[in-house]
């Protein structure tokens, strides 16, 4: 399993645009229905900080790279954050799931 995060902040005036982009992104992911992934998008508190968490069953295969809206969203993040925001690998130290 591979876990990656993307964490970025925007200006307050861009929050709605980012949230709309996330809605379009997840609609496209739902339509494509890839398997072997767990994908979550979060807004931190009431602020303009966002966190995306991607868990891949196979670290060598990222089906999001084949979804056009996911690629478009990724390109927009750099503009919203005013700098490139590459995904970072993280190590899961604990997890509970039923």
Protein backbone atom coordinates (compact mmCIF):
# COMPACT_ATOMS: atom_id res chain seq x y z
CA UNK A 1 0.00 0.00 0.00
CA UNK A 2 1.10 3.54 -0.75
CA UNK A 3 -0.27 6.67 0.91
CA UNK A 4 0.29 10.14 -0.53
CA UNK A 5 -0.87 13.54 0.63
CA UNK A 6 -1.21 16.91 -1.03
CA UNK A 7 -1.59 19.82 1.37
CA UNK A 8 -2.00 23.39 0.20
CA UNK A 9 -3.45 26.76 1.18
CA UNK A 10 -5.19 29.37 -0.93
CA UNK A 11 -6.44 32.86 -0.52
CA UNK A 12 -9.86 33.19 1.10
CA UNK A 13 -11.31 34.41 -2.20
CA UNK A 14 -10.40 31.09 -3.88
CA UNK A 15 -12.06 28.72 -1.38
CA UNK A 16 -15.24 28.38 -3.46
CA UNK A 17 -13.28 27.74 -6.63
CA UNK A 18 -11.22 25.02 -4.93
CA UNK A 19 -14.32 23.38 -3.45
CA UNK A 20 -16.00 23.42 -6.89
CA UNK A 21 -12.85 21.88 -8.38
CA UNK A 22 -12.93 19.13 -5.76
CA UNK A 23 -16.60 18.42 -6.56
CA UNK A 24 -15.76 18.06 -10.27
CA UNK A 25 -12.72 15.93 -9.45
CA UNK A 26 -14.69 13.49 -7.30
CA UNK A 27 -17.54 13.32 -9.81
CA UNK A 28 -15.02 12.29 -12.47
CA UNK A 29 -13.43 9.73 -10.13
CA UNK A 30 -16.88 8.31 -9.30
CA UNK A 31 -17.67 8.05 -13.01
CA UNK A 32 -14.37 6.31 -13.82
CA UNK A 33 -14.81 4.03 -10.76
CA UNK A 34 -11.17 2.97 -10.40
CA UNK A 35 -10.44 0.11 -8.03
CA UNK A 36 -7.64 -0.21 -5.52
CA UNK A 37 -7.82 3.38 -4.24
CA UNK A 38 -9.18 5.28 -1.27
CA UNK A 39 -9.28 9.03 -1.95
CA UNK A 40 -10.29 11.75 0.49
CA UNK A 41 -10.36 15.55 0.20
CA UNK A 42 -10.58 17.71 3.32
CA UNK A 43 -10.81 21.39 4.17
CA UNK A 44 -9.05 22.18 7.43
CA UNK A 45 -11.25 24.13 9.84
CA UNK A 46 -12.90 27.26 8.45
CA UNK A 47 -9.73 28.33 6.69
CA UNK A 48 -8.32 28.04 3.20
CA UNK A 49 -6.17 24.97 3.81
CA UNK A 50 -6.91 21.76 1.93
CA UNK A 51 -5.64 18.22 2.30
CA UNK A 52 -6.02 15.38 -0.18
CA UNK A 53 -5.16 11.85 0.91
CA UNK A 54 -4.69 9.08 -1.65
CA UNK A 55 -4.23 5.46 -0.64
CA UNK A 56 -3.22 3.07 -3.40
CA UNK A 57 -3.40 -0.70 -3.03
CA UNK A 58 -0.61 -0.99 -5.63
CA UNK A 59 2.10 1.64 -5.20
CA UNK A 60 3.10 1.27 -8.85
CA UNK A 61 -0.35 2.04 -10.26
CA UNK A 62 -2.16 5.36 -9.81
CA UNK A 63 -5.45 5.28 -11.76
CA UNK A 64 -5.96 9.02 -11.16
CA UNK A 65 -3.27 9.68 -13.76
CA UNK A 66 -5.69 8.35 -16.39
CA UNK A 67 -8.60 10.61 -15.38
CA UNK A 68 -8.54 13.93 -17.26
CA UNK A 69 -10.31 15.90 -14.51
CA UNK A 70 -7.78 14.64 -11.94
CA UNK A 71 -4.92 15.88 -14.12
CA UNK A 72 -6.68 19.23 -14.63
CA UNK A 73 -7.26 19.60 -10.88
CA UNK A 74 -3.61 18.81 -10.16
CA UNK A 75 -2.54 21.55 -12.59
CA UNK A 76 -4.85 24.08 -10.89
CA UNK A 77 -3.46 23.38 -7.41
CA UNK A 78 -0.16 25.07 -8.26
CA UNK A 79 -2.03 28.25 -9.22
CA UNK A 80 -4.20 28.23 -6.13
CA UNK A 81 -1.20 27.60 -3.88
CA UNK A 82 1.02 30.00 -5.88
CA UNK A 83 3.70 27.27 -6.08
CA UNK A 84 3.99 23.67 -7.22
CA UNK A 85 2.61 21.22 -4.65
CA UNK A 86 3.93 17.73 -5.36
CA UNK A 87 2.35 14.74 -3.61
CA UNK A 88 4.29 13.56 -0.58
CA UNK A 89 4.56 9.94 0.47
CA UNK A 90 3.65 9.29 4.08
CA UNK A 91 3.97 6.27 6.34
CA UNK A 92 0.85 5.06 8.12
CA UNK A 93 1.76 4.44 11.75
CA UNK A 94 -1.67 3.51 12.99
CA UNK A 95 -5.10 3.01 11.54
CA UNK A 96 -8.41 1.62 12.66
CA UNK A 97 -11.06 0.54 10.17
CA UNK A 98 -14.06 -1.75 10.51
